[in-house]
Amino acid sequence: MKDSSGKVSLFTGIARYIKYNLNLVIVVLFFIGLISMTIFGNKGILQKMKLEQETLALEQQIKAELDKTEQLQKEIDALKSSDSKLEEVAREKYGMTKDGEKIYKVIIDSTE
């Protein structure tokens, strides 16, 4: 169709091109679909990048947990081999005292 200026409208031109070049349009649409599946699909590039980031984060978390486990194992070994270390932990963490010791509670006045 021609508009008031005598030119064929854009929509009509596209429709004619598709009508006369249907095979080419189908091939182009096929490749567009194929490329979009390669990028956005379940096994696509974006999904792969996301999973790689997740894997890296989990590996860092595993390393941190292994370091923490190693530190705790060293502390366990120290407690098993040293009575002074055992006494230190008992006093600091659990507030335990030896028989006959007196405990004094110090109250600090924060208004001064």
Protein backbone atom coordinates (compact mmCIF):
# COMPACT_ATOMS: atom_id res chain seq x y z
CA MET A 1 0.00 0.00 0.00
CA LYS A 2 1.11 3.50 -0.68
CA ASP A 3 0.68 6.23 1.84
CA SER A 4 -0.25 9.80 0.97
CA SER A 5 3.27 10.56 -0.26
CA GLY A 6 3.19 7.65 -2.71
CA LYS A 7 5.67 5.40 -0.86
CA VAL A 8 5.08 1.82 0.18
CA SER A 9 4.63 1.52 3.95
CA LEU A 10 7.31 -0.22 5.96
CA PHE A 11 4.99 -2.98 7.17
CA THR A 12 3.86 -3.77 3.65
CA GLY A 13 7.46 -3.86 2.43
CA ILE A 14 8.45 -6.31 5.17
CA ALA A 15 5.41 -8.48 4.43
CA ARG A 16 6.29 -8.62 0.72
CA TYR A 17 9.93 -9.48 1.50
CA ILE A 18 8.85 -12.34 3.77
CA LYS A 19 6.36 -13.57 1.16
CA TYR A 20 8.91 -13.75 -1.64
CA ASN A 21 11.90 -14.88 0.47
CA LEU A 22 10.20 -17.30 2.84
CA ASN A 23 13.02 -19.87 2.81
CA LEU A 24 15.61 -17.24 3.72
CA VAL A 25 13.42 -15.92 6.54
CA ILE A 26 12.95 -19.44 7.92
CA VAL A 27 16.71 -20.08 7.86
CA VAL A 28 17.42 -16.74 9.59
CA LEU A 29 14.79 -17.44 12.26
CA PHE A 30 16.26 -20.92 12.78
CA PHE A 31 19.73 -19.49 13.36
CA ILE A 32 18.40 -16.79 15.66
CA GLY A 33 16.67 -19.49 17.72
CA LEU A 34 19.81 -21.62 17.74
CA ILE A 35 21.98 -18.73 18.89
CA SER A 36 19.49 -17.73 21.59
CA MET A 37 19.40 -21.31 22.91
CA THR A 38 23.21 -21.38 22.94
CA ILE A 39 23.32 -18.24 25.04
CA PHE A 40 20.19 -18.41 27.20
CA GLY A 41 19.29 -22.13 27.34
CA ASN A 42 19.61 -24.52 30.31
CA LYS A 43 23.03 -25.60 29.08
CA GLY A 44 23.87 -22.21 27.58
CA ILE A 45 26.76 -19.87 28.11
CA LEU A 46 25.04 -17.75 30.77
CA GLN A 47 24.07 -20.83 32.81
CA LYS A 48 27.63 -22.15 32.55
CA MET A 49 29.07 -18.84 33.80
CA LYS A 50 26.62 -18.81 36.71
CA LEU A 51 27.54 -22.38 37.69
CA GLU A 52 31.27 -21.60 37.49
CA GLN A 53 30.79 -18.65 39.87
CA GLU A 54 28.81 -20.87 42.24
CA THR A 55 31.53 -23.52 42.12
CA LEU A 56 34.20 -20.95 42.90
CA ALA A 57 32.21 -19.63 45.87
CA LEU A 58 31.66 -23.16 47.21
CA GLU A 59 35.37 -23.99 46.83
CA GLN A 60 36.25 -20.87 48.85
CA GLN A 61 33.73 -21.87 51.51
CA ILE A 62 35.21 -25.39 51.67
CA LYS A 63 38.71 -23.95 52.05
CA ALA A 64 37.56 -21.69 54.89
CA GLU A 65 35.87 -24.61 56.64
CA LEU A 66 38.98 -26.78 56.26
CA ASP A 67 41.11 -24.00 57.77
CA LYS A 68 38.67 -23.70 60.66
CA THR A 69 38.72 -27.48 61.17
CA GLU A 70 42.52 -27.47 61.21
CA GLN A 71 42.57 -24.66 63.79
CA LEU A 72 40.08 -26.49 66.01
CA GLN A 73 42.08 -29.72 65.72
CA LYS A 74 45.21 -27.87 66.85
CA GLU A 75 43.27 -26.48 69.82
CA ILE A 76 42.03 -29.99 70.71
CA ASP A 77 45.58 -31.34 70.55
CA ALA A 78 46.82 -28.48 72.76
CA LEU A 79 44.07 -29.17 75.32
CA LYS A 80 44.90 -32.88 75.38
CA SER A 81 48.63 -32.36 75.85
CA SER A 82 48.81 -29.35 78.18
CA ASP A 83 47.19 -29.01 81.59
CA SER A 84 47.97 -25.28 81.66
CA LYS A 85 46.07 -24.76 78.39
CA LEU A 86 43.16 -26.79 79.74
CA GLU A 87 43.14 -24.69 82.92
CA GLU A 88 43.29 -21.46 80.89
CA VAL A 89 40.27 -22.44 78.80
CA ALA A 90 38.34 -23.60 81.87
CA ARG A 91 38.95 -20.28 83.61
CA GLU A 92 38.29 -17.97 80.64
CA LYS A 93 35.39 -19.68 78.89
CA TYR A 94 33.60 -21.38 81.77
CA GLY A 95 34.52 -19.23 84.80
CA MET A 96 35.87 -22.20 86.76
CA THR A 97 38.15 -21.75 89.75
CA LYS A 98 40.46 -23.88 91.87
CA ASP A 99 39.38 -25.05 95.30
CA GLY A 100 39.88 -22.31 97.88
CA GLU A 101 40.17 -19.42 95.41
CA LYS A 102 38.07 -16.36 96.04
CA ILE A 103 36.37 -14.56 93.18
CA TYR A 104 36.03 -10.81 93.31
CA LYS A 105 33.56 -9.03 91.08
CA VAL A 106 34.79 -5.62 89.95
CA ILE A 107 32.07 -3.13 89.19
CA ILE A 108 33.11 -0.20 87.05
CA ASP A 109 31.14 3.01 87.34
CA SER A 110 30.61 4.31 83.81
CA THR A 111 29.26 7.69 84.94
CA GLU A 112 32.72 9.01 85.84
